[in-house]
Every structure is written in C-alpha cells, then in structure tokens.
Amino acid sequence: MEIATDVVVEAQGLTKQYKTSKGRQSQNKTVVDQLSLTVRRGEVLSLLGPNGAGKTTTVEMLAGFRQPDSGTINVLGGNPWKADVAWRSRIGIVSQQTPSSDEVTVEEVLKCQRTYFPQSRAVDEVLELVGLSEQRHQRVPKLSGGQARRLDVGCGIIGRPELLFLDEPTTGFDPEARRQFWDLIRLLAAEGTTILLTTHYLDEAEALADRVAVIIAGKVRALGTPAELRNASGSEATVRWGLGAEANEQQTSEPSSLLRDLLSRFDGEIPNLSISRPSLEDAYLTLVEANAS
C-alpha cells in the first residue's frame, strides 16, 4: 500500500473480532468495525469514545501488538505486526497496563529502557520531564499510582520516538500533574513527535489535539479539529445578561448579532453578560447519543 510522505499512520478497513461466551454458546463480537484512519506527521490526534468503543484495540493493532482480522495498516512505512527491531525503536508506547518492575528503582528502569534505542534521551532529562527527579532512587513498588504512571510516560519518551502512542496516559494524575503532562505533550509535539492519544478527558483532547476522532462501536463517527466538531454539533451559543428578576438567557446561532442589539438597548455596559459556546464535550455527547443502539 502506498503511503504519502507526510502520513505516519494509514489504516484502512480495520476489523477485529473477539470470541465471547454466553452459557454454552460462543459468538464473535466485533470490537473494531471497518475502521479507517490517517495520522499526519507531527500532529496530535486524539481518539475519543465510550468504554468498549474499540480505542485500545485500535492502538494495539497500530502498534503491532494485535493483528487485525482484516484491513491494512502502514505505520512509519511498514507493517506493524511484521516489524523489526529498527522499526520498533522509532515508536514509543504508554499503554493502560503498567508492567511489573520488581524491586528495581525508577532510575534503573529508565537506564535499562534507554539501551533499546539508538538515540535515547538522558535519564536525568527524562526524570525532569516527567517530574520524578526526587523519586529516582525510589523502588518501583513503592511509587504511588500517579508516580508509576509518570514512569510509564518516561519509558515511552526516553527513546525520542517519531511516533508516540499514549493510551489514557493521565489516569491517576491529580490536576496539577495533568497540566504538567500537557506541557510535556506540547513540548514533544513542538519537537516534531507524532502523537496518537486516547483519553476520556474531553478537556485534555480539546487542549492538546490538532484533530479528534470519535470512535463509537468500533467505527469512526466523526473526525476533525475540535472546532470543526463543535461547529458540526449544531449546538447554539448561550447568551446570559441581567441580574435577579431582570436575568435573561437566550440561545442563538448568531451571538454577535444579539450582542449588537443588547449594546444598543443598554447604551453602554451590559450587566452580568456571559456568552457560552458549545464545547467539545457537548459535541461528543451529541454524537454518543445519536449513535446509541
């Protein structure tokens, strides 16, 4: 399959089924259903979707950990499930499953991880980037959940990957840690890293993603920039003004026009004015409700 030079991931018609059992009967459940997706070089693409939508299975197929039943994939110019060591050194992965590291320290884990990559980051740099400098000598089983997740991220970025898969990476992070992680993603993107991010946090996708793909029941139901998805939802802006008994609220597709009318009516400052536009969460929930079976 031909792949354009500015495209890092090209997936066409991916399908994956799993056998499920009910009583004595078994049947195939389609988890990913004829899914097609393109990720361009240097972009951050976020996958959104309900639990069980097929996001993690999609990432596992693209990263070469799970083979599709049908469809084609080209990642970094190669077939992921036939990839060699050189290909694997070009990707980084932060999966949902945290591997056991026995009684080794954070520093020892990173030192070992960097040996797999020809152009890895220094351990000190990674510790600083993921906020674990003070825990460098801490044994991994003693880390908190959020600290263990930071170590996962450190292992994913230490090889300076061209393509980074992040599967719900901020699970277990407190709000401050999430914001620090966002800064890290922006730094990696600025360096040219292509990032495929799955998350359940709509504000995270809105803050980081160049484009968003909404996956529901194994299919891509919407794809575009956060702004494009917000606009496509058809939701109107909500304009509020006034105080107490004079409080008003109006929904409109033309808030600028309403604002001009209000300015002429009040001849100056509009009391308690606020304008709320549709969010990515609004657009996402609209899509989920529209595709509910």
Protein backbone atom coordinates (compact mmCIF):
# COMPACT_ATOMS: atom_id res chain seq x y z
CA MET A 1 0.00 0.00 0.00
CA GLU A 2 1.40 3.43 -0.94
CA ILE A 3 1.74 5.95 1.86
CA ALA A 4 2.24 9.69 1.45
CA THR A 5 5.45 11.16 2.88
CA ASP A 6 3.54 13.41 5.30
CA VAL A 7 1.46 10.50 6.64
CA VAL A 8 2.77 8.43 9.55
CA VAL A 9 -0.23 6.13 10.08
CA GLU A 10 -2.56 4.88 7.35
CA ALA A 11 -5.19 2.34 8.38
CA GLN A 12 -7.92 1.15 6.03
CA GLY A 13 -10.87 -1.11 6.80
CA LEU A 14 -9.54 -2.48 10.11
CA THR A 15 -11.76 -5.12 11.66
CA LYS A 16 -11.16 -7.10 14.84
CA GLN A 17 -13.45 -9.63 16.47
CA TYR A 18 -13.18 -11.50 19.77
CA LYS A 19 -14.94 -14.70 20.79
CA THR A 20 -17.35 -14.28 23.67
CA SER A 21 -19.21 -16.99 25.57
CA LYS A 22 -22.77 -16.97 26.81
CA GLY A 23 -23.67 -20.16 28.56
CA ARG A 24 -22.54 -22.99 26.29
CA GLN A 25 -22.65 -20.87 23.18
CA SER A 26 -19.81 -18.76 21.80
CA GLN A 27 -20.10 -15.95 19.32
CA ASN A 28 -17.90 -13.35 17.68
CA LYS A 29 -18.10 -9.79 18.93
CA THR A 30 -16.87 -7.11 16.54
CA VAL A 31 -14.77 -4.62 18.52
CA VAL A 32 -13.31 -2.68 15.60
CA ASP A 33 -15.52 -2.46 12.53
CA GLN A 34 -14.09 -1.38 9.13
CA LEU A 35 -12.17 1.45 10.76
CA SER A 36 -10.06 3.77 8.60
CA LEU A 37 -7.75 6.43 9.99
CA THR A 38 -4.87 8.65 8.88
CA VAL A 39 -2.38 10.38 11.15
CA ARG A 40 -0.20 13.07 9.64
CA ARG A 41 3.41 13.67 10.55
CA GLY A 42 3.83 15.98 13.53
CA GLU A 43 0.17 16.13 14.57
CA VAL A 44 -1.51 15.19 17.83
CA LEU A 45 -4.55 13.04 17.06
CA SER A 46 -6.85 12.15 19.94
CA LEU A 47 -9.16 9.14 19.98
CA LEU A 48 -12.33 9.64 22.00
CA GLY A 49 -15.10 7.17 22.68
CA PRO A 50 -17.06 5.36 25.39
CA ASN A 51 -15.65 2.36 27.23
CA GLY A 52 -15.58 -0.62 24.89
CA ALA A 53 -15.66 1.54 21.76
CA GLY A 54 -12.51 -0.10 20.35
CA LYS A 55 -9.94 2.62 21.06
CA THR A 56 -7.39 0.45 22.85
CA THR A 57 -7.75 -2.40 20.34
CA THR A 58 -7.16 0.10 17.55
CA VAL A 59 -3.99 1.38 19.23
CA GLU A 60 -2.77 -2.18 19.82
CA MET A 61 -3.20 -3.01 16.14
CA LEU A 62 -1.45 0.16 15.00
CA ALA A 63 1.44 -0.50 17.41
CA GLY A 64 1.83 -4.10 16.23
CA PHE A 65 0.65 -5.88 19.37
CA ARG A 66 -2.55 -7.24 17.88
CA GLN A 67 -3.20 -8.35 14.30
CA PRO A 68 -6.47 -7.29 12.64
CA ASP A 69 -8.78 -9.88 11.17
CA SER A 70 -8.98 -7.78 8.02
CA GLY A 71 -7.83 -4.44 6.70
CA THR A 72 -4.43 -2.89 6.05
CA ILE A 73 -2.05 -0.80 8.14
CA ASN A 74 1.03 1.17 7.20
CA VAL A 75 2.87 2.77 10.11
CA LEU A 76 6.15 4.61 9.54
CA GLY A 77 6.33 2.96 6.15
CA GLY A 78 5.98 -0.60 7.43
CA ASN A 79 3.63 -3.33 8.57
CA PRO A 80 3.49 -3.18 12.41
CA TRP A 81 2.99 -6.90 13.05
CA LYS A 82 5.91 -7.77 10.78
CA ALA A 83 8.18 -5.05 12.15
CA ASP A 84 11.85 -5.47 13.04
CA VAL A 85 13.85 -4.00 15.92
CA ALA A 86 14.81 -0.91 13.91
CA TRP A 87 11.13 -0.11 13.31
CA ARG A 88 10.23 -0.61 16.97
CA SER A 89 13.00 1.77 18.04
CA ARG A 90 11.12 4.54 16.22
CA ILE A 91 7.94 4.29 18.30
CA GLY A 92 7.09 4.87 21.94
CA ILE A 93 4.16 3.33 23.80
CA VAL A 94 2.39 4.17 27.04
CA SER A 95 -0.29 1.51 27.44
CA GLN A 96 -3.01 1.11 30.05
CA GLN A 97 -1.25 -1.90 31.55
CA THR A 98 1.68 -0.98 33.79
CA PRO A 99 4.38 -3.68 33.67
CA SER A 100 5.79 -5.11 36.89
CA SER A 101 9.30 -3.88 37.68
CA ASP A 102 10.03 -5.96 40.78
CA GLU A 103 12.30 -4.20 43.29
CA VAL A 104 14.33 -2.04 40.91
CA THR A 105 14.47 1.74 41.23
CA VAL A 106 12.99 4.36 38.92
CA GLU A 107 16.46 5.26 37.68
CA GLU A 108 17.32 1.63 36.98
CA VAL A 109 14.14 1.15 34.93
CA LEU A 110 14.94 4.16 32.76
CA LYS A 111 18.61 3.18 32.36
CA CYS A 112 17.53 -0.24 31.13
CA GLN A 113 14.84 1.19 28.84
CA ARG A 114 17.19 3.62 27.10
CA THR A 115 19.50 0.79 25.98
CA TYR A 116 16.85 -0.31 23.46
CA PHE A 117 17.05 2.93 21.49
CA PRO A 118 19.90 4.29 19.36
CA GLN A 119 19.22 7.97 20.13
CA SER A 120 17.73 7.99 23.59
CA ARG A 121 17.31 10.90 25.99
CA ALA A 122 19.50 11.12 29.09
CA VAL A 123 17.94 9.62 32.20
CA ASP A 124 18.27 12.91 34.10
CA GLU A 125 16.38 14.72 31.33
CA VAL A 126 13.53 12.21 31.38
CA LEU A 127 13.28 12.32 35.18
CA GLU A 128 12.93 16.09 34.97
CA LEU A 129 10.40 15.97 32.14
CA VAL A 130 8.07 13.55 33.96
CA GLY A 131 8.58 15.02 37.43
CA LEU A 132 10.33 12.07 39.06
CA SER A 133 13.73 13.56 39.90
CA GLU A 134 13.09 13.25 43.63
CA GLN A 135 11.97 9.63 43.21
CA ARG A 136 14.95 8.46 41.13
CA HIS A 137 16.15 6.09 43.87
CA GLN A 138 12.65 5.00 44.90
CA ARG A 139 11.84 1.35 44.26
CA VAL A 140 9.00 0.99 41.77
CA PRO A 141 6.56 -0.95 44.02
CA LYS A 142 6.73 1.95 46.49
CA LEU A 143 5.56 4.52 43.96
CA SER A 144 2.06 5.98 44.14
CA GLY A 145 -0.30 5.29 41.26
CA GLY A 146 0.32 8.69 39.72
CA GLN A 147 4.10 8.34 40.09
CA ALA A 148 4.02 4.88 38.48
CA ARG A 149 2.10 6.39 35.57
CA ARG A 150 4.74 9.10 35.22
CA LEU A 151 7.36 6.37 34.99
CA ASP A 152 5.33 4.71 32.22
CA VAL A 153 5.39 8.01 30.33
CA GLY A 154 9.14 8.30 30.92
CA CYS A 155 9.70 4.85 29.42
CA GLY A 156 7.56 5.85 26.45
CA ILE A 157 9.50 9.02 25.61
CA ILE A 158 13.09 8.07 26.51
CA GLY A 159 13.81 6.73 23.01
CA ARG A 160 12.89 10.03 21.27
CA PRO A 161 10.15 8.26 19.28
CA GLU A 162 8.96 9.56 15.94
CA LEU A 163 5.52 8.22 16.81
CA LEU A 164 4.19 8.07 20.36
CA PHE A 165 1.12 6.03 21.36
CA LEU A 166 -0.49 7.27 24.60
CA ASP A 167 -3.39 5.15 25.84
CA GLU A 168 -5.13 7.07 28.65
CA PRO A 169 -1.77 8.30 29.99
CA THR A 170 -3.09 10.67 32.69
CA THR A 171 -5.15 8.08 34.57
CA GLY A 172 -4.31 8.53 38.25
CA PHE A 173 -2.89 12.03 37.80
CA ASP A 174 -4.01 14.87 40.05
CA PRO A 175 -4.99 18.14 38.31
CA GLU A 176 -1.53 19.67 38.69
CA ALA A 177 0.18 16.57 37.29
CA ARG A 178 -2.22 16.53 34.33
CA ARG A 179 -1.34 20.13 33.49
CA GLN A 180 2.38 19.31 33.69
CA PHE A 181 1.77 16.38 31.37
CA TRP A 182 0.00 18.66 28.92
CA ASP A 183 3.11 20.87 28.85
CA LEU A 184 5.20 17.78 28.10
CA ILE A 185 2.96 16.78 25.20
CA ARG A 186 3.18 20.29 23.78
CA LEU A 187 6.98 20.13 24.06
CA LEU A 188 7.11 16.76 22.28
CA ALA A 189 4.77 18.00 19.55
CA ALA A 190 6.94 21.10 19.10
CA GLU A 191 9.93 18.80 18.61
CA GLY A 192 8.06 17.08 15.77
CA THR A 193 6.82 13.94 17.53
CA THR A 194 3.63 12.50 16.06
CA ILE A 195 1.26 11.58 18.90
CA LEU A 196 -1.79 9.33 18.99
CA LEU A 197 -3.60 9.97 22.27
CA THR A 198 -6.60 8.15 23.69
CA THR A 199 -8.28 9.81 26.63
CA HIS A 200 -11.59 10.02 28.48
CA TYR A 201 -10.88 13.63 29.42
CA LEU A 202 -12.61 15.90 26.92
CA ASP A 203 -10.72 18.97 28.15
CA GLU A 204 -7.46 17.10 27.56
CA ALA A 205 -8.35 16.37 23.95
CA GLU A 206 -9.53 19.94 23.42
CA ALA A 207 -6.31 21.35 24.90
CA LEU A 208 -3.85 19.08 23.08
CA ALA A 209 -5.28 17.62 19.89
CA ASP A 210 -4.87 19.02 16.40
CA ARG A 211 -7.63 16.62 15.33
CA VAL A 212 -10.07 14.38 17.17
CA ALA A 213 -11.53 11.05 16.04
CA VAL A 214 -14.66 9.92 17.86
CA ILE A 215 -14.94 6.12 17.85
CA ILE A 216 -18.26 4.52 18.76
CA ALA A 217 -18.95 0.79 18.40
CA GLY A 218 -15.69 0.27 16.52
CA LYS A 219 -16.31 2.92 13.87
CA VAL A 220 -15.01 6.45 13.39
CA ARG A 221 -18.19 8.51 13.68
CA ALA A 222 -16.58 11.95 13.45
CA LEU A 223 -13.14 13.28 12.58
CA GLY A 224 -11.88 16.85 12.56
CA THR A 225 -10.39 19.64 14.61
CA PRO A 226 -12.03 20.34 17.98
CA ALA A 227 -13.53 23.50 16.46
CA GLU A 228 -14.92 21.57 13.49
CA LEU A 229 -16.55 19.01 15.77
CA ARG A 230 -18.02 21.73 17.96
CA ASN A 231 -19.48 23.52 14.95
CA ALA A 232 -20.81 20.30 13.43
CA SER A 233 -22.78 19.50 16.56
CA GLY A 234 -25.26 22.22 15.64
CA SER A 235 -25.44 23.49 19.22
CA GLU A 236 -26.12 27.20 19.67
CA ALA A 237 -24.32 29.70 21.85
CA THR A 238 -26.00 30.69 25.13
CA VAL A 239 -26.06 34.40 25.95
CA ARG A 240 -26.92 35.49 29.52
CA TRP A 241 -27.36 39.02 30.86
CA GLY A 242 -29.09 40.93 33.62
CA LEU A 243 -29.40 40.40 37.36
CA GLY A 244 -32.08 38.99 39.63
CA ALA A 245 -35.57 39.39 38.23
CA GLU A 246 -34.07 41.02 35.15
CA ALA A 247 -31.89 37.99 34.32
CA ASN A 248 -32.24 36.74 30.77
CA GLU A 249 -30.92 33.82 28.80
CA GLN A 250 -31.14 33.25 25.05
CA GLN A 251 -29.72 30.58 22.76
CA THR A 252 -28.68 31.74 19.31
CA SER A 253 -26.59 30.73 16.34
CA GLU A 254 -25.65 34.41 15.87
CA PRO A 255 -24.38 35.69 19.24
CA SER A 256 -22.60 38.67 17.64
CA SER A 257 -25.90 39.94 16.23
CA LEU A 258 -27.63 39.55 19.61
CA LEU A 259 -24.73 41.32 21.30
CA ARG A 260 -25.11 44.33 18.97
CA ASP A 261 -28.82 44.51 19.83
CA LEU A 262 -28.05 44.38 23.55
CA LEU A 263 -25.45 47.13 23.25
CA SER A 264 -27.97 49.40 21.59
CA ARG A 265 -30.60 48.61 24.23
CA PHE A 266 -28.38 49.22 27.24
CA ASP A 267 -26.43 52.12 25.71
CA GLY A 268 -23.22 51.02 27.40
CA GLU A 269 -22.17 48.19 29.70
CA ILE A 270 -24.41 45.10 29.53
CA PRO A 271 -24.99 43.89 33.11
CA ASN A 272 -23.66 40.44 34.00
CA LEU A 273 -23.04 39.47 30.36
CA SER A 274 -21.73 35.99 29.55
CA ILE A 275 -21.53 34.02 26.31
CA SER A 276 -21.12 30.24 26.43
CA ARG A 277 -20.28 28.45 23.21
CA PRO A 278 -20.66 24.69 22.56
CA SER A 279 -17.73 22.71 23.93
CA LEU A 280 -16.08 19.59 22.57
CA GLU A 281 -17.87 17.72 25.35
CA ASP A 282 -21.23 18.95 24.03
CA ALA A 283 -20.35 17.76 20.53
CA TYR A 284 -19.08 14.41 21.85
CA LEU A 285 -22.19 13.72 23.93
CA THR A 286 -24.38 14.61 20.95
CA LEU A 287 -22.53 12.04 18.84
CA VAL A 288 -22.74 9.36 21.52
CA GLU A 289 -26.47 9.90 21.98
CA ALA A 290 -27.07 9.90 18.21
CA ASN A 291 -25.24 6.57 17.82
CA ALA A 292 -26.67 4.84 20.89
CA SER A 293 -28.08 1.46 19.97
